[in-house]
Amino acid sequence: MRLVHVVGVRPNFMKIAPIMGALDEYDGVEQVLVHTGQHYDHEMSQIFFEDLNIPRPDVDLGMGPDEDGSRTRRMTIELDRVFSELRPDGVVVVGDVNSTWPPP
């Protein structure tokens, strides 16, 4: 079973860490971590991966700041591409930010 986890901001990182940790206990579960890149600098992103022992993202969409209001559109297009390529059995999203909105 392949699960894709989508995260993008600090609250997502804190919520996904225990989920991924618990799923690590099951044989046959492949976990793929997709980081939308909404929080992209060390203090807003990487430090959480280090402190919470979250694996390095398999895919980083690099969305960065939303300077022209197009981030949600770009994110939807990129996530659609990732889902088409990876063909997951399930998608796990946590939180209530842009990275949880685009439907798989």
Protein backbone atom coordinates (compact mmCIF):
# COMPACT_ATOMS: atom_id res chain seq x y z
CA MET A 1 0.00 0.00 0.00
CA ARG A 2 1.37 3.41 -0.96
CA LEU A 3 0.32 6.43 1.09
CA VAL A 4 1.22 9.97 0.11
CA HIS A 5 1.39 12.49 2.94
CA VAL A 6 1.04 16.15 1.95
CA VAL A 7 2.47 18.84 4.24
CA GLY A 8 3.32 22.47 3.73
CA VAL A 9 3.47 24.49 6.94
CA ARG A 10 4.55 24.16 10.58
CA PRO A 11 1.24 22.83 11.97
CA ASN A 12 1.26 20.10 9.30
CA PHE A 13 4.76 18.98 10.28
CA MET A 14 3.80 18.55 13.93
CA LYS A 15 0.67 16.57 13.02
CA ILE A 16 2.24 14.29 10.42
CA ALA A 17 5.20 13.20 12.57
CA PRO A 18 3.25 10.82 14.87
CA ILE A 19 1.15 9.51 11.97
CA MET A 20 4.21 8.59 9.93
CA GLY A 21 5.88 7.14 13.01
CA ALA A 22 2.89 4.92 13.76
CA LEU A 23 2.60 3.75 10.15
CA ASP A 24 6.29 2.81 10.14
CA GLU A 25 5.29 -0.13 12.34
CA TYR A 26 3.32 -1.79 9.52
CA ASP A 27 4.93 -3.96 6.88
CA GLY A 28 3.76 -3.28 3.37
CA VAL A 29 3.03 0.42 3.89
CA GLU A 30 5.11 2.67 1.66
CA GLN A 31 5.02 6.26 2.82
CA VAL A 32 5.82 9.10 0.44
CA LEU A 33 6.16 12.59 1.89
CA VAL A 34 5.29 15.55 -0.32
CA HIS A 35 6.25 19.02 0.94
CA THR A 36 4.45 21.82 -0.85
CA GLY A 37 7.17 24.23 0.24
CA GLN A 38 4.84 26.89 1.59
CA HIS A 39 7.14 27.19 4.61
CA TYR A 40 10.52 26.87 3.03
CA ASP A 41 13.26 28.34 5.19
CA HIS A 42 15.19 26.53 7.93
CA GLU A 43 13.36 28.11 10.89
CA MET A 44 9.90 27.54 9.42
CA SER A 45 10.45 24.13 7.88
CA GLN A 46 13.69 22.17 8.07
CA ILE A 47 14.12 22.56 11.82
CA PHE A 48 10.81 20.73 12.33
CA PHE A 49 11.92 17.83 10.14
CA GLU A 50 15.08 17.58 12.23
CA ASP A 51 13.49 17.98 15.67
CA LEU A 52 10.49 15.72 14.97
CA ASN A 53 12.49 13.06 13.11
CA ILE A 54 10.36 13.44 10.01
CA PRO A 55 12.05 11.93 6.97
CA ARG A 56 13.33 14.24 4.28
CA PRO A 57 10.51 14.90 1.79
CA ASP A 58 10.48 12.60 -1.22
CA VAL A 59 8.98 15.43 -3.27
CA ASP A 60 9.37 19.16 -2.62
CA LEU A 61 7.08 21.30 -4.74
CA GLY A 62 8.91 24.49 -3.75
CA MET A 63 5.83 26.71 -3.75
CA GLY A 64 7.50 29.39 -1.63
CA PRO A 65 5.75 32.68 -0.91
CA ASP A 66 2.48 33.56 -2.60
CA GLU A 67 3.38 36.88 -4.14
CA ASP A 68 0.84 36.91 -6.96
CA GLY A 69 -2.02 34.84 -5.55
CA SER A 70 -1.36 31.87 -7.83
CA ARG A 71 0.09 29.42 -5.30
CA THR A 72 -3.12 27.38 -4.85
CA ARG A 73 -3.49 27.00 -8.62
CA ARG A 74 0.15 26.00 -9.06
CA MET A 75 -0.06 23.63 -6.10
CA THR A 76 -3.16 21.93 -7.50
CA ILE A 77 -1.43 21.38 -10.84
CA GLU A 78 1.74 20.02 -9.20
CA LEU A 79 -0.12 17.75 -6.78
CA ASP A 80 -2.17 16.37 -9.65
CA ARG A 81 1.07 15.58 -11.46
CA VAL A 82 2.55 13.90 -8.36
CA PHE A 83 -0.59 11.83 -7.73
CA SER A 84 -0.74 10.76 -11.38
CA GLU A 85 2.89 9.70 -11.27
CA LEU A 86 2.83 7.95 -7.88
CA ARG A 87 -0.70 6.50 -8.10
CA PRO A 88 -1.13 6.27 -4.31
CA ASP A 89 -3.66 4.03 -2.60
CA GLY A 90 -4.39 6.89 -0.22
CA VAL A 91 -3.52 10.49 0.48
CA VAL A 92 -3.08 11.81 4.02
CA VAL A 93 -3.53 15.51 4.65
CA VAL A 94 -3.54 17.22 8.03
CA GLY A 95 -4.55 20.74 8.89
CA ASP A 96 -6.53 23.52 7.32
CA VAL A 97 -4.11 25.36 5.02
CA ASN A 98 -3.64 25.54 1.25
CA SER A 99 -1.68 22.26 1.13
CA THR A 100 -4.76 20.38 2.38
CA TRP A 101 -7.21 21.90 -0.06
CA PRO A 102 -6.48 20.50 -3.53
CA PRO A 103 -8.39 17.27 -3.97
CA PRO A 104 -6.41 14.19 -5.07
